[in-house]
């Protein structure tokens, strides 16, 4: 028996006799796999979850009083309805659509530009109406130069330019 105990107990090894990474293990020593710890933990969580679900399905709350429950309370602050009643604008819509606001702004700018263009054209027409029409009689001033008379032989050629 002493020999069985001696062989089962690991013998103290000196630092020179310690197992190197390349050496094989002794037949009595088997490594514990790394996945056993997470497996046991996951099993415990699953078991707890299952038990909790079963207890809630049985409506344990009817059998056991857990204490006072929370009462539903109104959210703090001023509600939209109270603001509408206070300021009297109950039918106004809330504008939160930025694209719609941008479209309306562009339409207003275009209407302003068209109105300005119409005013400018109207002012030009008024100015044109205010101008006096040109008189039918020629203005008095120096007489107009007379046209050279054509010769009976036909038109004359212009004089040649010197080269």
N, C-alpha and C. Protein backbone atom coordinates (compact mmCIF):
# COMPACT_ATOMS: atom_id res chain seq x y z
N UNK A 1 0.80 -1.17 0.00
CA UNK A 1 0.00 0.00 0.00
C UNK A 1 0.85 1.24 0.00
N UNK A 2 1.87 1.21 0.66
CA UNK A 2 2.77 2.35 0.68
C UNK A 2 3.30 2.63 -0.70
N UNK A 3 3.51 1.54 -1.42
CA UNK A 3 4.02 1.73 -2.78
C UNK A 3 2.93 2.33 -3.67
N UNK A 4 1.68 1.94 -3.48
CA UNK A 4 0.58 2.47 -4.29
C UNK A 4 0.40 3.94 -4.01
N UNK A 5 0.54 4.30 -2.72
CA UNK A 5 0.41 5.71 -2.38
C UNK A 5 1.58 6.49 -2.93
N UNK A 6 2.70 5.95 -2.90
CA UNK A 6 3.88 6.65 -3.39
C UNK A 6 3.79 6.85 -4.89
N UNK A 7 3.23 5.88 -5.60
CA UNK A 7 3.15 6.04 -7.06
C UNK A 7 2.01 7.00 -7.43
N UNK A 8 0.97 7.10 -6.60
CA UNK A 8 -0.15 7.99 -6.90
C UNK A 8 0.21 9.44 -6.59
N UNK A 9 1.05 9.65 -5.60
CA UNK A 9 1.42 11.01 -5.24
C UNK A 9 2.55 11.48 -6.15
N UNK A 10 2.42 12.65 -6.64
CA UNK A 10 3.49 13.15 -7.49
C UNK A 10 4.73 13.40 -6.68
N UNK A 11 5.82 13.07 -7.22
CA UNK A 11 7.08 13.27 -6.52
C UNK A 11 7.58 14.68 -6.81
N UNK A 12 8.12 15.30 -5.80
CA UNK A 12 8.64 16.65 -6.04
C UNK A 12 9.80 16.57 -7.03
N UNK A 13 9.73 17.41 -8.02
CA UNK A 13 10.77 17.42 -9.03
C UNK A 13 11.64 18.65 -8.84
N UNK A 14 12.88 18.49 -9.13
CA UNK A 14 13.78 19.63 -9.05
C UNK A 14 13.57 20.46 -10.31
N UNK A 15 14.02 21.70 -10.32
CA UNK A 15 13.82 22.56 -11.50
C UNK A 15 14.42 21.95 -12.76
N UNK A 16 15.45 21.16 -12.65
CA UNK A 16 16.04 20.56 -13.84
C UNK A 16 15.20 19.40 -14.35
N UNK A 17 14.37 18.81 -13.46
CA UNK A 17 13.56 17.67 -13.86
C UNK A 17 12.14 18.07 -14.29
N UNK A 18 11.79 19.37 -14.24
CA UNK A 18 10.44 19.80 -14.62
C UNK A 18 10.19 19.51 -16.09
N UNK A 19 8.94 19.29 -16.40
CA UNK A 19 8.57 18.91 -17.75
C UNK A 19 8.73 20.10 -18.69
N UNK A 20 9.36 19.88 -19.77
CA UNK A 20 9.54 20.88 -20.81
C UNK A 20 8.33 20.82 -21.74
N UNK A 21 8.07 21.86 -22.52
CA UNK A 21 6.90 21.87 -23.40
C UNK A 21 6.92 20.74 -24.42
N UNK A 22 8.06 20.30 -24.86
CA UNK A 22 8.14 19.24 -25.86
C UNK A 22 7.99 17.85 -25.27
N UNK A 23 8.10 17.71 -23.94
CA UNK A 23 8.03 16.39 -23.31
C UNK A 23 6.58 15.92 -23.21
N UNK A 24 6.41 14.61 -23.15
CA UNK A 24 5.07 14.05 -23.04
C UNK A 24 4.65 14.00 -21.58
N UNK A 25 3.33 13.93 -21.39
CA UNK A 25 2.79 13.88 -20.04
C UNK A 25 2.88 12.44 -19.52
N UNK A 26 2.80 12.39 -18.23
CA UNK A 26 2.77 11.06 -17.61
C UNK A 26 1.39 10.46 -17.85
N UNK A 27 1.31 9.14 -17.92
CA UNK A 27 0.03 8.51 -18.24
C UNK A 27 -1.07 8.81 -17.23
N UNK A 28 -0.81 9.08 -16.01
CA UNK A 28 -1.84 9.34 -15.00
C UNK A 28 -2.39 10.76 -15.08
N UNK A 29 -1.73 11.66 -15.71
CA UNK A 29 -2.16 13.06 -15.79
C UNK A 29 -2.85 13.31 -17.13
N UNK A 30 -4.08 13.74 -17.06
CA UNK A 30 -4.79 14.13 -18.27
C UNK A 30 -5.15 15.61 -18.14
N UNK A 31 -4.97 16.34 -19.21
CA UNK A 31 -5.29 17.78 -19.10
C UNK A 31 -6.81 17.99 -19.06
N UNK A 32 -7.20 18.95 -18.30
CA UNK A 32 -8.62 19.29 -18.23
C UNK A 32 -8.92 20.19 -19.43
N UNK A 33 -9.92 19.86 -20.22
CA UNK A 33 -10.22 20.68 -21.40
C UNK A 33 -10.65 22.09 -21.00
N UNK A 34 -10.34 23.05 -21.84
CA UNK A 34 -10.61 24.45 -21.53
C UNK A 34 -12.10 24.78 -21.66
N UNK A 35 -12.86 23.99 -22.36
CA UNK A 35 -14.27 24.28 -22.61
C UNK A 35 -15.19 23.82 -21.49
N UNK A 36 -14.69 23.14 -20.48
CA UNK A 36 -15.55 22.62 -19.41
C UNK A 36 -16.09 23.77 -18.54
N UNK A 37 -15.28 24.75 -18.22
CA UNK A 37 -15.71 25.88 -17.38
C UNK A 37 -16.86 26.66 -18.01
N UNK A 38 -16.73 27.13 -19.24
CA UNK A 38 -17.85 27.84 -19.87
C UNK A 38 -19.09 26.96 -20.05
N UNK A 39 -18.89 25.66 -20.25
CA UNK A 39 -20.03 24.76 -20.40
C UNK A 39 -20.83 24.68 -19.11
N UNK A 40 -20.16 24.55 -17.99
CA UNK A 40 -20.86 24.48 -16.70
C UNK A 40 -21.56 25.80 -16.40
N UNK A 41 -20.90 26.91 -16.69
CA UNK A 41 -21.50 28.23 -16.45
C UNK A 41 -22.75 28.41 -17.30
N UNK A 42 -22.68 28.07 -18.57
CA UNK A 42 -23.83 28.19 -19.46
C UNK A 42 -24.98 27.30 -19.01
N UNK A 43 -24.66 26.10 -18.54
CA UNK A 43 -25.69 25.18 -18.04
C UNK A 43 -26.41 25.78 -16.83
N UNK A 44 -25.65 26.41 -15.93
CA UNK A 44 -26.25 27.02 -14.74
C UNK A 44 -27.18 28.18 -15.12
N UNK A 45 -26.74 29.02 -16.05
CA UNK A 45 -27.59 30.14 -16.50
C UNK A 45 -28.86 29.62 -17.16
N UNK A 46 -28.75 28.60 -17.99
CA UNK A 46 -29.91 28.05 -18.67
C UNK A 46 -30.89 27.45 -17.68
N UNK A 47 -30.40 26.75 -16.69
CA UNK A 47 -31.26 26.15 -15.68
C UNK A 47 -31.99 27.23 -14.88
N UNK A 48 -31.28 28.29 -14.50
CA UNK A 48 -31.89 29.40 -13.76
C UNK A 48 -32.96 30.09 -14.60
N UNK A 49 -32.67 30.31 -15.87
CA UNK A 49 -33.63 30.94 -16.77
C UNK A 49 -34.88 30.10 -16.90
N UNK A 50 -34.72 28.81 -17.07
CA UNK A 50 -35.87 27.91 -17.19
C UNK A 50 -36.72 27.89 -15.94
N UNK A 51 -36.10 27.85 -14.78
CA UNK A 51 -36.85 27.83 -13.52
C UNK A 51 -37.61 29.14 -13.36
N UNK A 52 -36.98 30.25 -13.69
CA UNK A 52 -37.64 31.55 -13.56
C UNK A 52 -38.85 31.64 -14.48
N UNK A 53 -38.71 31.16 -15.70
CA UNK A 53 -39.83 31.18 -16.64
C UNK A 53 -41.00 30.32 -16.13
N UNK A 54 -40.70 29.19 -15.57
CA UNK A 54 -41.76 28.32 -15.04
C UNK A 54 -42.48 28.99 -13.88
N UNK A 55 -41.73 29.64 -12.99
CA UNK A 55 -42.35 30.29 -11.83
C UNK A 55 -43.23 31.47 -12.29
N UNK A 56 -42.79 32.21 -13.27
CA UNK A 56 -43.60 33.33 -13.75
C UNK A 56 -44.83 32.83 -14.50
N UNK A 57 -44.72 31.69 -15.17
CA UNK A 57 -45.86 31.13 -15.88
C UNK A 57 -46.93 30.64 -14.90
N UNK A 58 -46.54 30.26 -13.70
CA UNK A 58 -47.49 29.79 -12.70
C UNK A 58 -48.14 30.95 -11.93
N UNK A 59 -47.81 32.19 -12.29
CA UNK A 59 -48.35 33.37 -11.61
C UNK A 59 -48.06 33.34 -10.12
N UNK A 60 -46.80 33.26 -9.80
CA UNK A 60 -46.38 33.23 -8.40
C UNK A 60 -46.74 34.54 -7.71
N UNK A 61 -46.90 35.60 -8.48
CA UNK A 61 -47.25 36.89 -7.89
C UNK A 61 -48.57 36.88 -7.18
N UNK A 62 -49.49 35.99 -7.59
CA UNK A 62 -50.77 35.89 -6.90
C UNK A 62 -50.61 35.19 -5.55
N UNK A 63 -49.66 34.26 -5.48
CA UNK A 63 -49.47 33.52 -4.26
C UNK A 63 -48.60 34.27 -3.26
N UNK A 64 -47.62 34.97 -3.75
CA UNK A 64 -46.67 35.67 -2.88
C UNK A 64 -46.72 37.15 -3.20
N UNK A 65 -46.84 37.97 -2.16
CA UNK A 65 -46.81 39.42 -2.35
C UNK A 65 -45.37 39.90 -2.28
N UNK A 66 -44.94 40.56 -3.36
CA UNK A 66 -43.56 41.05 -3.39
C UNK A 66 -43.44 42.45 -2.84
N UNK A 67 -44.50 43.08 -2.47
CA UNK A 67 -44.43 44.44 -1.95
C UNK A 67 -45.29 45.36 -2.81
N UNK A 68 -45.20 46.65 -2.51
CA UNK A 68 -45.99 47.62 -3.26
C UNK A 68 -45.45 47.76 -4.69
N UNK A 69 -46.36 47.78 -5.63
CA UNK A 69 -45.97 48.01 -7.02
C UNK A 69 -45.87 49.51 -7.30
N UNK A 70 -45.33 49.84 -8.40
CA UNK A 70 -45.21 51.25 -8.74
C UNK A 70 -46.49 51.72 -9.41
N UNK A 71 -46.93 52.91 -9.04
CA UNK A 71 -48.11 53.51 -9.66
C UNK A 71 -47.69 54.22 -10.94
N UNK A 72 -48.59 54.23 -11.91
CA UNK A 72 -48.32 54.93 -13.16
C UNK A 72 -48.50 56.42 -12.89
N UNK A 73 -47.48 57.19 -13.23
CA UNK A 73 -47.53 58.62 -13.01
C UNK A 73 -47.41 59.36 -14.33
N UNK A 74 -47.89 60.57 -14.33
CA UNK A 74 -47.81 61.41 -15.52
C UNK A 74 -46.37 61.86 -15.71
N UNK A 75 -45.96 61.91 -16.98
CA UNK A 75 -44.60 62.36 -17.28
C UNK A 75 -44.45 63.81 -16.86
N UNK A 76 -43.36 64.18 -16.21
CA UNK A 76 -43.22 65.55 -15.73
C UNK A 76 -43.08 66.54 -16.88
N UNK A 77 -43.56 67.75 -16.66
CA UNK A 77 -43.44 68.80 -17.67
C UNK A 77 -44.81 69.22 -18.17
N UNK A 78 -44.79 70.11 -19.14
CA UNK A 78 -46.02 70.65 -19.70
C UNK A 78 -46.40 69.87 -20.94
N UNK A 79 -47.63 69.45 -21.00
CA UNK A 79 -48.07 68.66 -22.15
C UNK A 79 -48.41 69.57 -23.33
N UNK A 80 -48.44 68.99 -24.50
CA UNK A 80 -48.75 69.75 -25.71
C UNK A 80 -50.17 70.28 -25.66
N UNK A 81 -51.09 69.50 -25.13
CA UNK A 81 -52.48 69.94 -25.04
C UNK A 81 -52.61 71.16 -24.13
N UNK A 82 -51.90 71.16 -23.00
CA UNK A 82 -52.00 72.31 -22.10
C UNK A 82 -51.39 73.55 -22.73
N UNK A 83 -50.32 73.40 -23.52
CA UNK A 83 -49.76 74.56 -24.22
C UNK A 83 -50.72 75.10 -25.26
N UNK A 84 -51.38 74.20 -25.97
CA UNK A 84 -52.36 74.65 -26.98
C UNK A 84 -53.52 75.37 -26.32
N UNK A 85 -53.99 74.84 -25.18
CA UNK A 85 -55.10 75.50 -24.50
C UNK A 85 -54.67 76.85 -23.92
N UNK A 86 -53.46 76.93 -23.42
CA UNK A 86 -52.97 78.15 -22.80
C UNK A 86 -52.81 79.27 -23.83
N UNK A 87 -52.28 78.95 -25.00
CA UNK A 87 -52.01 79.97 -26.00
C UNK A 87 -53.10 80.06 -27.06
N UNK A 88 -54.13 79.24 -26.99
CA UNK A 88 -55.30 79.37 -27.83
C UNK A 88 -55.11 78.97 -29.28
N UNK A 89 -54.09 78.26 -29.63
CA UNK A 89 -53.85 77.88 -31.02
C UNK A 89 -54.03 76.37 -31.14
N UNK A 90 -55.25 75.90 -30.89
CA UNK A 90 -55.50 74.46 -30.84
C UNK A 90 -55.47 73.82 -32.21
N UNK A 91 -55.76 74.57 -33.29
CA UNK A 91 -55.87 73.98 -34.61
C UNK A 91 -54.60 74.09 -35.44
N UNK A 92 -53.58 74.73 -34.95
CA UNK A 92 -52.34 74.90 -35.73
C UNK A 92 -51.59 73.58 -35.81
N UNK A 93 -51.00 73.35 -36.94
CA UNK A 93 -50.22 72.12 -37.11
C UNK A 93 -48.77 72.35 -36.70
N UNK A 94 -48.15 71.31 -36.28
CA UNK A 94 -46.76 71.40 -35.88
C UNK A 94 -45.92 71.14 -37.12
N UNK A 95 -45.04 72.06 -37.42
CA UNK A 95 -44.21 71.94 -38.62
C UNK A 95 -42.87 71.33 -38.25
N UNK A 96 -42.71 70.09 -38.62
CA UNK A 96 -41.45 69.41 -38.35
C UNK A 96 -40.84 68.87 -39.62
N UNK A 97 -41.53 69.05 -40.76
CA UNK A 97 -41.03 68.54 -42.02
C UNK A 97 -40.15 69.61 -42.67
N UNK A 98 -38.85 69.43 -42.61
CA UNK A 98 -37.93 70.43 -43.11
C UNK A 98 -37.99 70.57 -44.62
N UNK A 99 -38.27 69.49 -45.31
CA UNK A 99 -38.36 69.56 -46.77
C UNK A 99 -39.56 70.40 -47.18
N UNK A 100 -40.67 70.26 -46.47
CA UNK A 100 -41.85 71.05 -46.76
C UNK A 100 -41.58 72.53 -46.50
N UNK A 101 -40.89 72.83 -45.42
CA UNK A 101 -40.56 74.22 -45.11
C UNK A 101 -39.64 74.81 -46.18
N UNK A 102 -38.67 74.04 -46.64
CA UNK A 102 -37.76 74.52 -47.68
C UNK A 102 -38.52 74.78 -48.97
N UNK A 103 -39.45 73.92 -49.34
CA UNK A 103 -40.26 74.08 -50.54
C UNK A 103 -41.11 75.33 -50.44
N UNK A 104 -41.72 75.58 -49.30
CA UNK A 104 -42.53 76.78 -49.12
C UNK A 104 -41.67 78.04 -49.19
N UNK A 105 -40.49 77.99 -48.64
CA UNK A 105 -39.59 79.15 -48.69
C UNK A 105 -39.20 79.45 -50.13
N UNK A 106 -38.91 78.41 -50.91
CA UNK A 106 -38.55 78.62 -52.31
C UNK A 106 -39.72 79.19 -53.10
N UNK A 107 -40.93 78.73 -52.82
CA UNK A 107 -42.10 79.25 -53.51
C UNK A 107 -42.32 80.73 -53.17
N UNK A 108 -42.09 81.10 -51.92
CA UNK A 108 -42.24 82.50 -51.53
C UNK A 108 -41.20 83.37 -52.22
N UNK A 109 -39.96 82.89 -52.30
CA UNK A 109 -38.91 83.67 -52.99
C UNK A 109 -39.24 83.83 -54.46
N UNK A 110 -39.75 82.77 -55.10
CA UNK A 110 -40.10 82.84 -56.51
C UNK A 110 -41.25 83.83 -56.72
N UNK A 111 -42.23 83.84 -55.83
CA UNK A 111 -43.34 84.78 -55.93
C UNK A 111 -42.84 86.22 -55.78
N UNK A 112 -41.89 86.44 -54.88
CA UNK A 112 -41.32 87.78 -54.71
C UNK A 112 -40.59 88.23 -55.97
N UNK A 113 -39.79 87.30 -56.56
CA UNK A 113 -39.07 87.65 -57.78
C UNK A 113 -40.04 87.98 -58.92
N UNK A 114 -41.12 87.22 -59.04
CA UNK A 114 -42.10 87.49 -60.10
C UNK A 114 -42.78 88.83 -59.87
N UNK A 115 -43.08 89.15 -58.61
CA UNK A 115 -43.71 90.44 -58.30
C UNK A 115 -42.76 91.59 -58.63
N UNK A 116 -41.49 91.45 -58.31
CA UNK A 116 -40.51 92.50 -58.63
C UNK A 116 -40.38 92.68 -60.14
N UNK A 117 -40.36 91.58 -60.87
CA UNK A 117 -40.26 91.65 -62.33
C UNK A 117 -41.49 92.34 -62.92
N UNK A 118 -42.67 92.04 -62.38
CA UNK A 118 -43.89 92.69 -62.86
C UNK A 118 -43.86 94.18 -62.57
N UNK A 119 -43.39 94.57 -61.38
CA UNK A 119 -43.28 96.01 -61.04
C UNK A 119 -42.30 96.71 -61.96
N UNK A 120 -41.18 96.05 -62.25
CA UNK A 120 -40.17 96.66 -63.12
C UNK A 120 -40.72 96.86 -64.54
N UNK A 121 -41.41 95.85 -65.06
CA UNK A 121 -42.01 95.98 -66.40
C UNK A 121 -43.07 97.07 -66.44
N UNK A 122 -43.85 97.15 -65.39
CA UNK A 122 -44.88 98.18 -65.32
C UNK A 122 -44.25 99.57 -65.28
N UNK A 123 -43.15 99.72 -64.54
CA UNK A 123 -42.46 101.01 -64.48
C UNK A 123 -41.88 101.37 -65.84
N UNK A 124 -41.35 100.39 -66.57
CA UNK A 124 -40.82 100.67 -67.91
C UNK A 124 -41.93 101.10 -68.86
N UNK A 125 -43.09 100.46 -68.77
CA UNK A 125 -44.22 100.85 -69.62
C UNK A 125 -44.69 102.27 -69.31
N UNK A 126 -44.75 102.61 -68.02
CA UNK A 126 -45.15 103.97 -67.64
C UNK A 126 -44.15 104.99 -68.17
N UNK A 127 -42.87 104.63 -68.06
CA UNK A 127 -41.83 105.54 -68.54
C UNK A 127 -41.94 105.70 -70.06
N UNK A 128 -42.22 104.64 -70.79
CA UNK A 128 -42.37 104.72 -72.24
C UNK A 128 -43.61 105.56 -72.60
N UNK A 129 -44.68 105.45 -71.80
CA UNK A 129 -45.88 106.25 -72.07
C UNK A 129 -45.64 107.73 -71.80
N UNK A 130 -44.77 108.03 -70.85
CA UNK A 130 -44.49 109.41 -70.50
C UNK A 130 -43.62 110.09 -71.55
N UNK A 131 -42.89 109.35 -72.33
CA UNK A 131 -42.07 109.94 -73.37
C UNK A 131 -42.98 110.54 -74.45
N UNK A 132 -42.60 111.69 -74.94
CA UNK A 132 -43.37 112.36 -75.97
C UNK A 132 -43.08 111.70 -77.30
N UNK A 133 -44.07 111.51 -78.12
CA UNK A 133 -43.80 110.93 -79.43
C UNK A 133 -42.98 111.91 -80.28
N UNK A 134 -42.22 111.40 -81.20
CA UNK A 134 -41.38 112.25 -82.06
C UNK A 134 -42.27 113.07 -82.98
N UNK A 135 -41.89 114.35 -83.20
CA UNK A 135 -42.73 115.19 -84.07
C UNK A 135 -42.62 114.73 -85.53
N UNK A 136 -43.70 114.95 -86.25
CA UNK A 136 -43.75 114.56 -87.65
C UNK A 136 -42.94 115.54 -88.51
N UNK A 137 -42.76 116.75 -88.08
CA UNK A 137 -42.03 117.76 -88.86
C UNK A 137 -40.54 117.62 -88.60
N UNK A 138 -39.75 117.82 -89.66
CA UNK A 138 -38.30 117.75 -89.44
C UNK A 138 -37.84 118.92 -88.59
N UNK A 139 -36.84 118.67 -87.82
CA UNK A 139 -36.29 119.70 -86.96
C UNK A 139 -35.55 120.72 -87.82
N UNK A 140 -35.58 121.93 -87.38
CA UNK A 140 -34.86 122.97 -88.13
C UNK A 140 -33.40 122.90 -87.74
N UNK A 141 -32.56 122.99 -88.73
CA UNK A 141 -31.14 122.93 -88.51
C UNK A 141 -30.43 122.97 -89.85
N UNK A 142 -29.20 122.59 -89.92
CA UNK A 142 -28.48 122.64 -91.20
C UNK A 142 -29.15 121.71 -92.20
N UNK A 143 -29.16 122.12 -93.48
CA UNK A 143 -29.80 121.28 -94.47
C UNK A 143 -29.01 120.01 -94.71
N UNK A 144 -29.68 118.99 -95.15
CA UNK A 144 -29.04 117.72 -95.42
C UNK A 144 -28.21 117.84 -96.68
N UNK A 145 -27.05 117.18 -96.79
CA UNK A 145 -26.23 117.29 -97.99
C UNK A 145 -26.97 116.67 -99.18
N UNK A 146 -26.76 117.25 -100.31
CA UNK A 146 -27.44 116.80 -101.52
C UNK A 146 -26.71 115.60 -102.10
N UNK A 147 -27.46 114.70 -102.68
CA UNK A 147 -26.88 113.53 -103.30
C UNK A 147 -26.31 113.93 -104.66
N UNK A 148 -25.16 113.36 -105.04
CA UNK A 148 -24.62 113.71 -106.35
C UNK A 148 -25.54 113.16 -107.44
N UNK A 149 -25.64 113.91 -108.43
CA UNK A 149 -26.53 113.52 -109.50
C UNK A 149 -25.86 112.47 -110.35
N UNK A 150 -26.61 111.58 -110.84
CA UNK A 150 -26.04 110.53 -111.65
C UNK A 150 -25.83 111.05 -113.07
N UNK A 151 -24.79 110.57 -113.70
CA UNK A 151 -24.48 111.00 -115.06
C UNK A 151 -25.32 110.20 -116.04
N UNK A 152 -25.54 110.73 -117.25
CA UNK A 152 -26.37 110.00 -118.19
C UNK A 152 -25.68 108.73 -118.68
N UNK A 153 -24.38 108.61 -118.53
CA UNK A 153 -23.66 107.42 -118.99
C UNK A 153 -23.77 106.27 -118.00
N UNK A 154 -24.25 106.46 -116.86
CA UNK A 154 -24.37 105.41 -115.86
C UNK A 154 -23.60 105.77 -114.60
N UNK A 155 -23.52 104.91 -113.71
CA UNK A 155 -22.83 105.23 -112.48
C UNK A 155 -21.33 105.34 -112.69
N UNK A 156 -20.74 106.20 -111.96
CA UNK A 156 -19.29 106.39 -112.06
C UNK A 156 -18.60 105.56 -111.01
N UNK A 157 -17.40 105.14 -111.37
CA UNK A 157 -16.62 104.34 -110.43
C UNK A 157 -15.92 105.25 -109.46
N UNK A 158 -15.72 104.82 -108.29
CA UNK A 158 -15.00 105.66 -107.30
C UNK A 158 -13.55 105.78 -107.72
N UNK A 159 -12.91 106.85 -107.31
CA UNK A 159 -11.51 107.04 -107.67
C UNK A 159 -10.65 105.95 -107.05
N UNK A 160 -9.57 105.60 -107.72
CA UNK A 160 -8.67 104.54 -107.24
C UNK A 160 -7.80 105.08 -106.13
N UNK A 161 -7.48 104.24 -105.24
CA UNK A 161 -6.63 104.62 -104.10
C UNK A 161 -5.18 104.46 -104.51
N UNK A 162 -4.27 105.34 -104.08
CA UNK A 162 -2.85 105.18 -104.38
C UNK A 162 -2.26 104.00 -103.64
N UNK A 163 -1.25 103.38 -104.33
CA UNK A 163 -0.66 102.22 -103.71
C UNK A 163 0.59 102.52 -103.01
